[in-house]
């Protein structure tokens, strides 16, 4: 039997009869692409609930006292929220004063303010009200002069072992910021040594200290020899011997020699300055000579007067005339007055302290 193949496009469904074949054919059109499924839009989420504000952190203040006093805290609370401004005011006890802050703050402002940003530990320091000590002044007992500058140096002041400087030319010094209590004051005096005093000071007290010491000084012994001689006229010869019996070197020592006649004890007929320089204590005597003094005249006797000058600051001034000869009291007075007048009228001669005036010889 012969079979025939039928080809073609049939849309739909039906019966097809072909000679010798009978059957049912289902023909489908070409399948179209299946579209992709569209995703459903996401569901909208509900907004989160609003967050509650965080409360500020709380801090504390611890105050410690060093010394008698108290601290006022404003505002006064057990704890302080962050950012709170606090004020501290320090109040000392009587005879004390606030000094400074320590710990988590510093400085000496009182009161002091700051903001709280952490736990704080604050120290308040108090100290006694300081005292003052016035050296007013340091005095030499024999001359009454203030002891300031001595032989090129100054009196050094030491308080409780600490160097506090030097006194002025007038022997004075002010010491401030001294704590109350017992103190050791030491004065180091050039040419003398150390002077020590114990001084007790009350809070806020100003204590004046007057110190009197006997400064060393030269003591002069003077010997005078004089004679006259004839050499186609009368001439004089005078020797002055000087010895220092004191306990310190003399300074720029000189001797003024004045020659008077017995007829006129008011006006010198000759004068001369003899320079002895610095004379050490206990040293051998030093002698100076004045040769061939022309004003010596034949007839009336000559009287020799000498005045000793010294530049040591604490050489006692002594213009009293000391006589080594026996003369009537009236002449003694006239000679003393004449020597004093001469010294007043000739300041260029009196360059230093008048240490001694002596009437020593009559020819």
Foldseek 3Di string as FASTA:
>chain_A
DDDDDDDDADAAWDWDDDVVDTDTDHGHDDDDDDDDDDDDDDDDDDDDDDDDDDFFDKAAEAEAEAAAWDKDKPPDDGIDGFFDKIKIAIGGDPQKDWDWKDFPDTDRDGTDMDTDDHYTYMYTYMAGAKEKEKPPAEAAPQARATAAQAPNRGKWKAKQNHTPGGAHNRRIDMDIRHGFAKIWIWIQGPQPGIDIDIDGGGRHYYHYDYHYDHHWDWDKDKAKDKDWDDDVFIWMKMKIKIATQTAAKWAFKKKKKFKDWPVDLQDTPDIDIGTDGIHGHPDDIDMDMDPGHHVDHPDTKMWMKMWMFTARPNQHADLDEAEPDDDDPVSVVSNSVNVVVVCVVCVVVRPGGGRYMYTHDID
